[in-house]
Amino acid sequence: MEAELRMIHKNDTWELVDRLANRKIIGVKCVFRTKHNADGSLNKHKARLVVKGYIQQHGIDFFETFAPVAKLDTIRLLFALAAQK
């Protein structure tokens, strides 16, 4: 968990702000997972700090969502299709 928090601070993922009187606080929780190798042996323990986004209401707590995330395989496929055309 300490490594996860270090990475959050290092990447400037979030910023601490003062609480507004008319807004509710959205909590966070830690999710722990054990990663294994193909042979079943222990690879590593992972921890993630995640926000409880299911508490938010559209139009009150947020207005839009945008997450520009694509897997490298998807990008390669798009380039291959563009090159083919």
PDB file of N, CA and C in Angstrom:
ATOM      1  N   MET A   1       0.828  -1.187   0.000  1.00  0.00           N
ATOM      2  CA  MET A   1       0.000   0.000   0.000  1.00  0.00           C
ATOM      3  C   MET A   1       0.868   1.245   0.000  1.00  0.00           C
ATOM      4  N   GLU A   2       1.987   1.177   0.698  1.00  0.00           N
ATOM      5  CA  GLU A   2       2.898   2.326   0.733  1.00  0.00           C
ATOM      6  C   GLU A   2       3.427   2.642  -0.660  1.00  0.00           C
ATOM      7  N   ALA A   3       3.737   1.611  -1.443  1.00  0.00           N
ATOM      8  CA  ALA A   3       4.221   1.832  -2.803  1.00  0.00           C
ATOM      9  C   ALA A   3       3.147   2.488  -3.659  1.00  0.00           C
ATOM     10  N   GLU A   4       1.896   2.099  -3.491  1.00  0.00           N
ATOM     11  CA  GLU A   4       0.787   2.702  -4.237  1.00  0.00           C
ATOM     12  C   GLU A   4       0.639   4.176  -3.882  1.00  0.00           C
ATOM     13  N   LEU A   5       0.703   4.502  -2.609  1.00  0.00           N
ATOM     14  CA  LEU A   5       0.589   5.897  -2.190  1.00  0.00           C
ATOM     15  C   LEU A   5       1.770   6.735  -2.680  1.00  0.00           C
ATOM     16  N   ARG A   6       2.966   6.146  -2.695  1.00  0.00           N
ATOM     17  CA  ARG A   6       4.132   6.860  -3.243  1.00  0.00           C
ATOM     18  C   ARG A   6       3.924   7.188  -4.714  1.00  0.00           C
ATOM     19  N   MET A   7       3.386   6.232  -5.483  1.00  0.00           N
ATOM     20  CA  MET A   7       3.152   6.465  -6.914  1.00  0.00           C
ATOM     21  C   MET A   7       2.063   7.522  -7.135  1.00  0.00           C
ATOM     22  N   ILE A   8       1.050   7.544  -6.299  1.00  0.00           N
ATOM     23  CA  ILE A   8       0.002   8.562  -6.409  1.00  0.00           C
ATOM     24  C   ILE A   8       0.597   9.953  -6.199  1.00  0.00           C
ATOM     25  N   HIS A   9       1.450  10.101  -5.194  1.00  0.00           N
ATOM     26  CA  HIS A   9       2.095  11.393  -4.949  1.00  0.00           C
ATOM     27  C   HIS A   9       3.089  11.737  -6.051  1.00  0.00           C
ATOM     28  N   LYS A  10       3.854  10.760  -6.508  1.00  0.00           N
ATOM     29  CA  LYS A  10       4.861  10.994  -7.544  1.00  0.00           C
ATOM     30  C   LYS A  10       4.221  11.453  -8.851  1.00  0.00           C
ATOM     31  N   ASN A  11       3.100  10.842  -9.230  1.00  0.00           N
ATOM     32  CA  ASN A  11       2.437  11.161 -10.506  1.00  0.00           C
ATOM     33  C   ASN A  11       1.462  12.333 -10.403  1.00  0.00           C
ATOM     34  N   ASP A  12       1.353  12.948  -9.239  1.00  0.00           N
ATOM     35  CA  ASP A  12       0.389  14.041  -9.022  1.00  0.00           C
ATOM     36  C   ASP A  12      -0.993  13.647  -9.510  1.00  0.00           C
ATOM     37  N   THR A  13      -1.453  12.465  -9.093  1.00  0.00           N
ATOM     38  CA  THR A  13      -2.731  11.932  -9.537  1.00  0.00           C
ATOM     39  C   THR A  13      -3.901  12.707  -8.966  1.00  0.00           C
ATOM     40  N   TRP A  14      -3.777  13.206  -7.767  1.00  0.00           N
ATOM     41  CA  TRP A  14      -4.875  13.943  -7.151  1.00  0.00           C
ATOM     42  C   TRP A  14      -4.325  15.119  -6.371  1.00  0.00           C
ATOM     43  N   GLU A  15      -5.234  16.000  -6.001  1.00  0.00           N
ATOM     44  CA  GLU A  15      -4.861  17.204  -5.274  1.00  0.00           C
ATOM     45  C   GLU A  15      -5.854  17.402  -4.129  1.00  0.00           C
ATOM     46  N   LEU A  16      -5.352  17.693  -2.961  1.00  0.00           N
ATOM     47  CA  LEU A  16      -6.182  17.900  -1.790  1.00  0.00           C
ATOM     48  C   LEU A  16      -6.785  19.297  -1.832  1.00  0.00           C
ATOM     49  N   VAL A  17      -8.097  19.375  -1.712  1.00  0.00           N
ATOM     50  CA  VAL A  17      -8.798  20.658  -1.738  1.00  0.00           C
ATOM     51  C   VAL A  17      -9.667  20.780  -0.495  1.00  0.00           C
ATOM     52  N   ASP A  18     -10.083  22.003  -0.192  1.00  0.00           N
ATOM     53  CA  ASP A  18     -10.977  22.229   0.938  1.00  0.00           C
ATOM     54  C   ASP A  18     -12.361  21.706   0.600  1.00  0.00           C
ATOM     55  N   ARG A  19     -13.050  21.206   1.611  1.00  0.00           N
ATOM     56  CA  ARG A  19     -14.397  20.668   1.413  1.00  0.00           C
ATOM     57  C   ARG A  19     -15.395  21.813   1.282  1.00  0.00           C
ATOM     58  N   LEU A  20     -16.242  21.734   0.270  1.00  0.00           N
ATOM     59  CA  LEU A  20     -17.316  22.692   0.117  1.00  0.00           C
ATOM     60  C   LEU A  20     -18.463  22.285   1.035  1.00  0.00           C
ATOM     61  N   ALA A  21     -19.143  23.267   1.604  1.00  0.00           N
ATOM     62  CA  ALA A  21     -20.184  22.984   2.590  1.00  0.00           C
ATOM     63  C   ALA A  21     -21.356  22.209   1.995  1.00  0.00           C
ATOM     64  N   ASN A  22     -21.665  22.432   0.732  1.00  0.00           N
ATOM     65  CA  ASN A  22     -22.834  21.791   0.123  1.00  0.00           C
ATOM     66  C   ASN A  22     -22.486  20.521  -0.653  1.00  0.00           C
ATOM     67  N   ARG A  23     -21.328  19.966  -0.453  1.00  0.00           N
ATOM     68  CA  ARG A  23     -20.913  18.756  -1.169  1.00  0.00           C
ATOM     69  C   ARG A  23     -20.613  17.634  -0.189  1.00  0.00           C
ATOM     70  N   LYS A  24     -20.895  16.411  -0.608  1.00  0.00           N
ATOM     71  CA  LYS A  24     -20.559  15.274   0.230  1.00  0.00           C
ATOM     72  C   LYS A  24     -19.184  14.735  -0.150  1.00  0.00           C
ATOM     73  N   ILE A  25     -18.555  14.074   0.770  1.00  0.00           N
ATOM     74  CA  ILE A  25     -17.220  13.510   0.539  1.00  0.00           C
ATOM     75  C   ILE A  25     -17.377  12.129  -0.075  1.00  0.00           C
ATOM     76  N   ILE A  26     -16.593  11.872  -1.097  1.00  0.00           N
ATOM     77  CA  ILE A  26     -16.585  10.559  -1.745  1.00  0.00           C
ATOM     78  C   ILE A  26     -15.410   9.788  -1.164  1.00  0.00           C
ATOM     79  N   GLY A  27     -15.684   8.658  -0.572  1.00  0.00           N
ATOM     80  CA  GLY A  27     -14.651   7.881   0.103  1.00  0.00           C
ATOM     81  C   GLY A  27     -13.797   7.059  -0.845  1.00  0.00           C
ATOM     82  N   VAL A  28     -12.777   6.479  -0.291  1.00  0.00           N
ATOM     83  CA  VAL A  28     -11.887   5.587  -1.032  1.00  0.00           C
ATOM     84  C   VAL A  28     -11.769   4.280  -0.258  1.00  0.00           C
ATOM     85  N   LYS A  29     -11.311   3.260  -0.947  1.00  0.00           N
ATOM     86  CA  LYS A  29     -11.025   1.993  -0.281  1.00  0.00           C
ATOM     87  C   LYS A  29      -9.805   1.362  -0.936  1.00  0.00           C
ATOM     88  N   CYS A  30      -9.174   0.474  -0.203  1.00  0.00           N
ATOM     89  CA  CYS A  30      -8.002  -0.238  -0.708  1.00  0.00           C
ATOM     90  C   CYS A  30      -8.445  -1.599  -1.239  1.00  0.00           C
ATOM     91  N   VAL A  31      -7.945  -1.952  -2.408  1.00  0.00           N
ATOM     92  CA  VAL A  31      -8.228  -3.253  -3.007  1.00  0.00           C
ATOM     93  C   VAL A  31      -6.905  -3.997  -3.086  1.00  0.00           C
ATOM     94  N   PHE A  32      -6.848  -5.158  -2.480  1.00  0.00           N
ATOM     95  CA  PHE A  32      -5.626  -5.963  -2.459  1.00  0.00           C
ATOM     96  C   PHE A  32      -5.804  -7.185  -3.338  1.00  0.00           C
ATOM     97  N   ARG A  33      -4.733  -7.556  -4.036  1.00  0.00           N
ATOM     98  CA  ARG A  33      -4.788  -8.694  -4.942  1.00  0.00           C
ATOM     99  C   ARG A  33      -3.440  -9.404  -4.943  1.00  0.00           C
ATOM    100  N   THR A  34      -3.481 -10.692  -5.079  1.00  0.00           N
ATOM    101  CA  THR A  34      -2.254 -11.485  -5.175  1.00  0.00           C
ATOM    102  C   THR A  34      -2.101 -11.951  -6.605  1.00  0.00           C
ATOM    103  N   LYS A  35      -0.952 -11.648  -7.201  1.00  0.00           N
ATOM    104  CA  LYS A  35      -0.668 -12.056  -8.577  1.00  0.00           C
ATOM    105  C   LYS A  35       0.178 -13.329  -8.544  1.00  0.00           C
ATOM    106  N   HIS A  36      -0.162 -14.279  -9.428  1.00  0.00           N
ATOM    107  CA  HIS A  36       0.554 -15.544  -9.497  1.00  0.00           C
ATOM    108  C   HIS A  36       1.175 -15.728 -10.877  1.00  0.00           C
ATOM    109  N   ASN A  37       2.251 -16.489 -10.922  1.00  0.00           N
ATOM    110  CA  ASN A  37       2.876 -16.867 -12.185  1.00  0.00           C
ATOM    111  C   ASN A  37       2.049 -17.965 -12.845  1.00  0.00           C
ATOM    112  N   ALA A  38       2.402 -18.327 -14.063  1.00  0.00           N
ATOM    113  CA  ALA A  38       1.687 -19.365 -14.801  1.00  0.00           C
ATOM    114  C   ALA A  38       1.752 -20.712 -14.084  1.00  0.00           C
ATOM    115  N   ASP A  39       2.842 -20.956 -13.359  1.00  0.00           N
ATOM    116  CA  ASP A  39       2.977 -22.237 -12.658  1.00  0.00           C
ATOM    117  C   ASP A  39       2.290 -22.246 -11.290  1.00  0.00           C
ATOM    118  N   GLY A  40       1.657 -21.141 -10.917  1.00  0.00           N
ATOM    119  CA  GLY A  40       0.930 -21.068  -9.653  1.00  0.00           C
ATOM    120  C   GLY A  40       1.725 -20.491  -8.503  1.00  0.00           C
ATOM    121  N   SER A  41       3.006 -20.221  -8.727  1.00  0.00           N
ATOM    122  CA  SER A  41       3.815 -19.658  -7.649  1.00  0.00           C
ATOM    123  C   SER A  41       3.494 -18.162  -7.488  1.00  0.00           C
ATOM    124  N   LEU A  42       3.769 -17.634  -6.316  1.00  0.00           N
ATOM    125  CA  LEU A  42       3.471 -16.246  -5.991  1.00  0.00           C
ATOM    126  C   LEU A  42       4.385 -15.312  -6.770  1.00  0.00           C
ATOM    127  N   ASN A  43       3.800 -14.358  -7.458  1.00  0.00           N
ATOM    128  CA  ASN A  43       4.573 -13.366  -8.191  1.00  0.00           C
ATOM    129  C   ASN A  43       4.729 -12.106  -7.350  1.00  0.00           C
ATOM    130  N   LYS A  44       3.592 -11.493  -6.944  1.00  0.00           N
ATOM    131  CA  LYS A  44       3.653 -10.303  -6.103  1.00  0.00           C
ATOM    132  C   LYS A  44       2.280  -9.995  -5.521  1.00  0.00           C
ATOM    133  N   HIS A  45       2.288  -9.152  -4.527  1.00  0.00           N
ATOM    134  CA  HIS A  45       1.060  -8.644  -3.937  1.00  0.00           C
ATOM    135  C   HIS A  45       0.831  -7.248  -4.502  1.00  0.00           C
ATOM    136  N   LYS A  46      -0.397  -6.945  -4.903  1.00  0.00           N
ATOM    137  CA  LYS A  46      -0.711  -5.630  -5.455  1.00  0.00           C
ATOM    138  C   LYS A  46      -1.756  -4.945  -4.583  1.00  0.00           C
ATOM    139  N   ALA A  47      -1.676  -3.636  -4.519  1.00  0.00           N
ATOM    140  CA  ALA A  47      -2.652  -2.836  -3.775  1.00  0.00           C
ATOM    141  C   ALA A  47      -3.061  -1.666  -4.648  1.00  0.00           C
ATOM    142  N   ARG A  48      -4.339  -1.352  -4.637  1.00  0.00           N
ATOM    143  CA  ARG A  48      -4.853  -0.211  -5.390  1.00  0.00           C
ATOM    144  C   ARG A  48      -5.755   0.608  -4.486  1.00  0.00           C
ATOM    145  N   LEU A  49      -5.633   1.918  -4.575  1.00  0.00           N
ATOM    146  CA  LEU A  49      -6.522   2.826  -3.876  1.00  0.00           C
ATOM    147  C   LEU A  49      -7.581   3.255  -4.886  1.00  0.00           C
ATOM    148  N   VAL A  50      -8.827   2.917  -4.622  1.00  0.00           N
ATOM    149  CA  VAL A  50      -9.907   3.206  -5.574  1.00  0.00           C
ATOM    150  C   VAL A  50     -10.969   4.069  -4.903  1.00  0.00           C
ATOM    151  N   VAL A  51     -11.622   4.894  -5.707  1.00  0.00           N
ATOM    152  CA  VAL A  51     -12.671   5.771  -5.203  1.00  0.00           C
ATOM    153  C   VAL A  51     -14.018   5.061  -5.295  1.00  0.00           C
ATOM    154  N   LYS A  52     -14.871   5.339  -4.351  1.00  0.00           N
ATOM    155  CA  LYS A  52     -16.206   4.744  -4.336  1.00  0.00           C
ATOM    156  C   LYS A  52     -17.121   5.594  -5.229  1.00  0.00           C
ATOM    157  N   GLY A  53     -16.916   5.496  -6.521  1.00  0.00           N
ATOM    158  CA  GLY A  53     -17.622   6.320  -7.490  1.00  0.00           C
ATOM    159  C   GLY A  53     -19.104   6.037  -7.585  1.00  0.00           C
ATOM    160  N   TYR A  54     -19.549   4.905  -7.092  1.00  0.00           N
ATOM    161  CA  TYR A  54     -20.961   4.570  -7.168  1.00  0.00           C
ATOM    162  C   TYR A  54     -21.815   5.488  -6.291  1.00  0.00           C
ATOM    163  N   ILE A  55     -21.203   6.275  -5.447  1.00  0.00           N
ATOM    164  CA  ILE A  55     -21.930   7.207  -4.590  1.00  0.00           C
ATOM    165  C   ILE A  55     -22.297   8.486  -5.346  1.00  0.00           C
ATOM    166  N   GLN A  56     -21.539   8.803  -6.397  1.00  0.00           N
ATOM    167  CA  GLN A  56     -21.758  10.035  -7.136  1.00  0.00           C
ATOM    168  C   GLN A  56     -23.054  10.002  -7.936  1.00  0.00           C
ATOM    169  N   GLN A  57     -23.615  11.202  -8.166  1.00  0.00           N
ATOM    170  CA  GLN A  57     -24.803  11.350  -8.986  1.00  0.00           C
ATOM    171  C   GLN A  57     -24.495  12.296 -10.136  1.00  0.00           C
ATOM    172  N   HIS A  58     -24.864  11.898 -11.350  1.00  0.00           N
ATOM    173  CA  HIS A  58     -24.610  12.712 -12.533  1.00  0.00           C
ATOM    174  C   HIS A  58     -25.365  14.030 -12.425  1.00  0.00           C
ATOM    175  N   GLY A  59     -24.678  15.112 -12.744  1.00  0.00           N
ATOM    176  CA  GLY A  59     -25.281  16.435 -12.676  1.00  0.00           C
ATOM    177  C   GLY A  59     -25.137  17.106 -11.325  1.00  0.00           C
ATOM    178  N   ILE A  60     -24.796  16.320 -10.300  1.00  0.00           N
ATOM    179  CA  ILE A  60     -24.601  16.887  -8.964  1.00  0.00           C
ATOM    180  C   ILE A  60     -23.125  16.817  -8.583  1.00  0.00           C
ATOM    181  N   ASP A  61     -22.563  15.618  -8.622  1.00  0.00           N
ATOM    182  CA  ASP A  61     -21.162  15.420  -8.247  1.00  0.00           C
ATOM    183  C   ASP A  61     -20.222  15.446  -9.447  1.00  0.00           C
ATOM    184  N   PHE A  62     -20.726  15.164 -10.629  1.00  0.00           N
ATOM    185  CA  PHE A  62     -19.905  15.219 -11.833  1.00  0.00           C
ATOM    186  C   PHE A  62     -20.801  15.537 -13.014  1.00  0.00           C
ATOM    187  N   PHE A  63     -20.191  16.032 -14.091  1.00  0.00           N
ATOM    188  CA  PHE A  63     -20.963  16.422 -15.265  1.00  0.00           C
ATOM    189  C   PHE A  63     -20.572  15.636 -16.507  1.00  0.00           C
ATOM    190  N   GLU A  64     -19.357  15.168 -16.556  1.00  0.00           N
ATOM    191  CA  GLU A  64     -18.926  14.366 -17.695  1.00  0.00           C
ATOM    192  C   GLU A  64     -17.836  13.405 -17.247  1.00  0.00           C
ATOM    193  N   THR A  65     -17.649  12.340 -18.003  1.00  0.00           N
ATOM    194  CA  THR A  65     -16.571  11.403 -17.737  1.00  0.00           C
ATOM    195  C   THR A  65     -15.749  11.241 -19.005  1.00  0.00           C
ATOM    196  N   PHE A  66     -14.457  11.090 -18.845  1.00  0.00           N
ATOM    197  CA  PHE A  66     -13.569  10.925 -19.980  1.00  0.00           C
ATOM    198  C   PHE A  66     -12.339  10.162 -19.513  1.00  0.00           C
ATOM    199  N   ALA A  67     -12.074   9.037 -20.126  1.00  0.00           N
ATOM    200  CA  ALA A  67     -10.911   8.231 -19.767  1.00  0.00           C
ATOM    201  C   ALA A  67     -10.248   7.722 -21.041  1.00  0.00           C
ATOM    202  N   PRO A  68      -9.271   8.474 -21.560  1.00  0.00           N
ATOM    203  CA  PRO A  68      -8.613   8.076 -22.804  1.00  0.00           C
ATOM    204  C   PRO A  68      -7.617   6.949 -22.584  1.00  0.00           C
ATOM    205  N   VAL A  69      -8.115   5.741 -22.477  1.00  0.00           N
ATOM    206  CA  VAL A  69      -7.263   4.586 -22.225  1.00  0.00           C
ATOM    207  C   VAL A  69      -7.459   3.582 -23.356  1.00  0.00           C
ATOM    208  N   ALA A  70      -6.370   3.139 -23.931  1.00  0.00           N
ATOM    209  CA  ALA A  70      -6.436   2.133 -24.989  1.00  0.00           C
ATOM    210  C   ALA A  70      -5.282   1.156 -24.801  1.00  0.00           C
ATOM    211  N   LYS A  71      -5.545  -0.096 -25.054  1.00  0.00           N
ATOM    212  CA  LYS A  71      -4.484  -1.089 -24.977  1.00  0.00           C
ATOM    213  C   LYS A  71      -3.589  -0.961 -26.200  1.00  0.00           C
ATOM    214  N   LEU A  72      -2.346  -1.333 -26.033  1.00  0.00           N
ATOM    215  CA  LEU A  72      -1.390  -1.248 -27.124  1.00  0.00           C
ATOM    216  C   LEU A  72      -1.834  -2.123 -28.300  1.00  0.00           C
ATOM    217  N   ASP A  73      -2.436  -3.266 -28.027  1.00  0.00           N
ATOM    218  CA  ASP A  73      -2.933  -4.136 -29.103  1.00  0.00           C
ATOM    219  C   ASP A  73      -4.003  -3.438 -29.936  1.00  0.00           C
ATOM    220  N   THR A  74      -4.865  -2.655 -29.292  1.00  0.00           N
ATOM    221  CA  THR A  74      -5.905  -1.925 -30.011  1.00  0.00           C
ATOM    222  C   THR A  74      -5.293  -0.862 -30.914  1.00  0.00           C
ATOM    223  N   ILE A  75      -4.303  -0.171 -30.415  1.00  0.00           N
ATOM    224  CA  ILE A  75      -3.631   0.858 -31.223  1.00  0.00           C
ATOM    225  C   ILE A  75      -2.947   0.226 -32.425  1.00  0.00           C
ATOM    226  N   ARG A  76      -2.286  -0.902 -32.224  1.00  0.00           N
ATOM    227  CA  ARG A  76      -1.632  -1.608 -33.341  1.00  0.00           C
ATOM    228  C   ARG A  76      -2.647  -2.027 -34.392  1.00  0.00           C
ATOM    229  N   LEU A  77      -3.801  -2.523 -33.937  1.00  0.00           N
ATOM    230  CA  LEU A  77      -4.849  -2.933 -34.866  1.00  0.00           C
ATOM    231  C   LEU A  77      -5.339  -1.750 -35.692  1.00  0.00           C
ATOM    232  N   LEU A  78      -5.552  -0.617 -35.061  1.00  0.00           N
ATOM    233  CA  LEU A  78      -6.005   0.570 -35.785  1.00  0.00           C
ATOM    234  C   LEU A  78      -4.970   1.036 -36.794  1.00  0.00           C
ATOM    235  N   PHE A  79      -3.711   1.011 -36.448  1.00  0.00           N
ATOM    236  CA  PHE A  79      -2.657   1.378 -37.399  1.00  0.00           C
ATOM    237  C   PHE A  79      -2.594   0.392 -38.563  1.00  0.00           C
ATOM    238  N   ALA A  80      -2.763  -0.893 -38.270  1.00  0.00           N
ATOM    239  CA  ALA A  80      -2.742  -1.909 -39.321  1.00  0.00           C
ATOM    240  C   ALA A  80      -3.913  -1.712 -40.286  1.00  0.00           C
ATOM    241  N   LEU A  81      -5.095  -1.411 -39.741  1.00  0.00           N
ATOM    242  CA  LEU A  81      -6.251  -1.176 -40.595  1.00  0.00           C
ATOM    243  C   LEU A  81      -6.081   0.102 -41.425  1.00  0.00           C
ATOM    244  N   ALA A  82      -5.499   1.142 -40.820  1.00  0.00           N
ATOM    245  CA  ALA A  82      -5.266   2.374 -41.553  1.00  0.00           C
ATOM    246  C   ALA A  82      -4.255   2.153 -42.671  1.00  0.00           C
ATOM    247  N   ALA A  83      -3.207   1.383 -42.397  1.00  0.00           N
ATOM    248  CA  ALA A  83      -2.200   1.108 -43.418  1.00  0.00           C
ATOM    249  C   ALA A  83      -2.778   0.267 -44.551  1.00  0.00           C
ATOM    250  N   GLN A  84      -3.694  -0.645 -44.214  1.00  0.00           N
ATOM    251  CA  GLN A  84      -4.311  -1.503 -45.214  1.00  0.00           C
ATOM    252  C   GLN A  84      -5.211  -0.700 -46.147  1.00  0.00           C
ATOM    253  N   LYS A  85      -5.916   0.263 -45.621  1.00  0.00           N
ATOM    254  CA  LYS A  85      -6.823   1.074 -46.430  1.00  0.00           C
ATOM    255  C   LYS A  85      -6.048   2.092 -47.237  1.00  0.00           C
TER     256      LYS A  85
END
